[in-house]
Every structure is written in structure tokens, then in C-alpha cells.
């Protein structure tokens, strides 16, 4: 998503976290899927 929209979401969702991955685009960010799944499992009880 565009950085400006990510910043807007971060400002309007109290529990939001922003993960910036320089040089990753819409497709290359898929390389972070394993890290994202670990994070989802870790916060699953919130």
C-alpha cells in the first residue's frame, strides 16, 4: 500500500504496527510471510 495510507492507518488504529521493509514492493514483500505468521501467532491471544 502507499506509505501515506499506511501512515494514516497507523494514526487511526490504536493497536496498529507498521513494518517498513525497504526495497520490498507489493510482490517481494511476500518474503516476509514467515515472519508475519510468527508475529500473528505471538499476538493471537490479544
N, C-alpha and C. Protein backbone atom coordinates (compact mmCIF):
# COMPACT_ATOMS: atom_id res chain seq x y z
N UNK A 1 0.85 -1.17 0.00
CA UNK A 1 0.00 0.00 0.00
C UNK A 1 0.89 1.22 0.00
N UNK A 2 0.37 2.33 -0.46
CA UNK A 2 1.17 3.56 -0.42
C UNK A 2 1.54 3.94 1.01
N UNK A 3 2.72 4.47 1.18
CA UNK A 3 3.21 4.83 2.52
C UNK A 3 2.25 5.80 3.21
N UNK A 4 1.67 6.73 2.45
CA UNK A 4 0.76 7.71 3.06
C UNK A 4 -0.46 7.02 3.67
N UNK A 5 -0.95 5.98 3.02
CA UNK A 5 -2.10 5.25 3.56
C UNK A 5 -1.70 4.45 4.80
N UNK A 6 -0.52 3.86 4.76
CA UNK A 6 -0.02 3.13 5.92
C UNK A 6 0.12 4.06 7.12
N UNK A 7 0.64 5.26 6.88
CA UNK A 7 0.77 6.24 7.97
C UNK A 7 -0.60 6.63 8.52
N UNK A 8 -1.59 6.80 7.63
CA UNK A 8 -2.94 7.15 8.06
C UNK A 8 -3.52 6.04 8.93
N UNK A 9 -3.38 4.79 8.48
CA UNK A 9 -3.89 3.66 9.26
C UNK A 9 -3.22 3.60 10.63
N UNK A 10 -1.92 3.80 10.66
CA UNK A 10 -1.18 3.77 11.91
C UNK A 10 -1.69 4.83 12.88
N UNK A 11 -2.03 5.99 12.36
CA UNK A 11 -2.52 7.08 13.21
C UNK A 11 -3.94 6.85 13.70
N UNK A 12 -4.71 6.02 13.00
CA UNK A 12 -6.13 5.86 13.32
C UNK A 12 -6.50 4.52 13.95
N UNK A 13 -5.57 3.62 14.03
CA UNK A 13 -5.83 2.32 14.66
C UNK A 13 -4.88 2.18 15.85
N UNK A 14 -5.41 2.28 17.07
CA UNK A 14 -4.56 2.33 18.26
C UNK A 14 -3.59 1.15 18.41
N UNK A 15 -3.96 -0.03 17.97
CA UNK A 15 -3.08 -1.19 18.14
C UNK A 15 -2.26 -1.50 16.90
N UNK A 16 -2.29 -0.62 15.91
CA UNK A 16 -1.57 -0.87 14.65
C UNK A 16 -0.06 -0.85 14.85
N UNK A 17 0.61 -1.65 14.05
CA UNK A 17 2.07 -1.65 13.98
C UNK A 17 2.44 -1.48 12.51
N UNK A 18 3.48 -0.73 12.25
CA UNK A 18 3.93 -0.51 10.88
C UNK A 18 5.29 -1.16 10.70
N UNK A 19 5.35 -2.08 9.78
CA UNK A 19 6.61 -2.74 9.45
C UNK A 19 7.07 -2.20 8.11
N UNK A 20 8.13 -1.43 8.11
CA UNK A 20 8.70 -0.92 6.87
C UNK A 20 9.78 -1.88 6.39
N UNK A 21 9.68 -2.27 5.14
CA UNK A 21 10.67 -3.17 4.55
C UNK A 21 11.24 -2.50 3.31
N UNK A 22 12.32 -1.72 3.51
CA UNK A 22 12.93 -1.02 2.38
C UNK A 22 13.26 -1.97 1.23
N UNK A 23 13.05 -1.50 0.04
CA UNK A 23 13.33 -2.23 -1.20
C UNK A 23 12.35 -3.35 -1.48
N UNK A 24 11.34 -3.57 -0.62
CA UNK A 24 10.32 -4.57 -0.89
C UNK A 24 9.11 -3.89 -1.49
N UNK A 25 8.59 -4.46 -2.53
CA UNK A 25 7.40 -3.94 -3.17
C UNK A 25 6.21 -4.83 -2.86
N UNK A 26 5.17 -4.73 -3.68
CA UNK A 26 3.94 -5.48 -3.43
C UNK A 26 4.17 -6.99 -3.51
N UNK A 27 5.05 -7.45 -4.37
CA UNK A 27 5.28 -8.88 -4.53
C UNK A 27 6.45 -9.35 -3.66
N UNK A 28 7.54 -8.60 -3.67
CA UNK A 28 8.72 -9.04 -2.91
C UNK A 28 8.48 -9.07 -1.42
N UNK A 29 7.48 -8.35 -0.94
CA UNK A 29 7.18 -8.38 0.49
C UNK A 29 6.71 -9.77 0.93
N UNK A 30 6.35 -10.61 -0.02
CA UNK A 30 5.94 -11.98 0.31
C UNK A 30 7.07 -12.75 0.99
N UNK A 31 8.29 -12.28 0.85
CA UNK A 31 9.40 -12.94 1.54
C UNK A 31 9.30 -12.79 3.05
N UNK A 32 8.43 -11.91 3.52
CA UNK A 32 8.25 -11.70 4.96
C UNK A 32 7.09 -12.51 5.53
N UNK A 33 6.49 -13.38 4.73
CA UNK A 33 5.32 -14.13 5.19
C UNK A 33 5.63 -14.95 6.44
N UNK A 34 6.75 -15.62 6.47
CA UNK A 34 7.09 -16.45 7.64
C UNK A 34 7.20 -15.60 8.91
N UNK A 35 7.83 -14.45 8.80
CA UNK A 35 7.97 -13.55 9.96
C UNK A 35 6.59 -13.05 10.39
N UNK A 36 5.75 -12.71 9.43
CA UNK A 36 4.41 -12.22 9.75
C UNK A 36 3.58 -13.30 10.43
N UNK A 37 3.69 -14.53 9.98
CA UNK A 37 2.94 -15.63 10.61
C UNK A 37 3.40 -15.86 12.04
N UNK A 38 4.70 -15.78 12.28
CA UNK A 38 5.22 -15.91 13.65
C UNK A 38 4.65 -14.79 14.53
N UNK A 39 4.60 -13.56 13.98
CA UNK A 39 4.05 -12.43 14.73
C UNK A 39 2.58 -12.64 15.03
N UNK A 40 1.81 -13.12 14.05
CA UNK A 40 0.38 -13.36 14.27
C UNK A 40 0.16 -14.42 15.36
N UNK A 41 0.97 -15.46 15.33
CA UNK A 41 0.85 -16.49 16.37
C UNK A 41 1.17 -15.91 17.74
N UNK A 42 2.16 -15.05 17.81
CA UNK A 42 2.59 -14.47 19.09
C UNK A 42 1.52 -13.55 19.67
N UNK A 43 0.79 -12.83 18.83
CA UNK A 43 -0.21 -11.89 19.35
C UNK A 43 -1.60 -12.47 19.33
N UNK A 44 -1.74 -13.71 18.94
CA UNK A 44 -3.05 -14.33 18.78
C UNK A 44 -3.96 -14.25 19.98
N UNK A 45 -3.42 -14.13 21.17
CA UNK A 45 -4.24 -14.10 22.37
C UNK A 45 -4.73 -12.72 22.78
N UNK A 46 -4.40 -11.70 21.99
CA UNK A 46 -4.81 -10.34 22.37
C UNK A 46 -6.28 -10.17 22.33
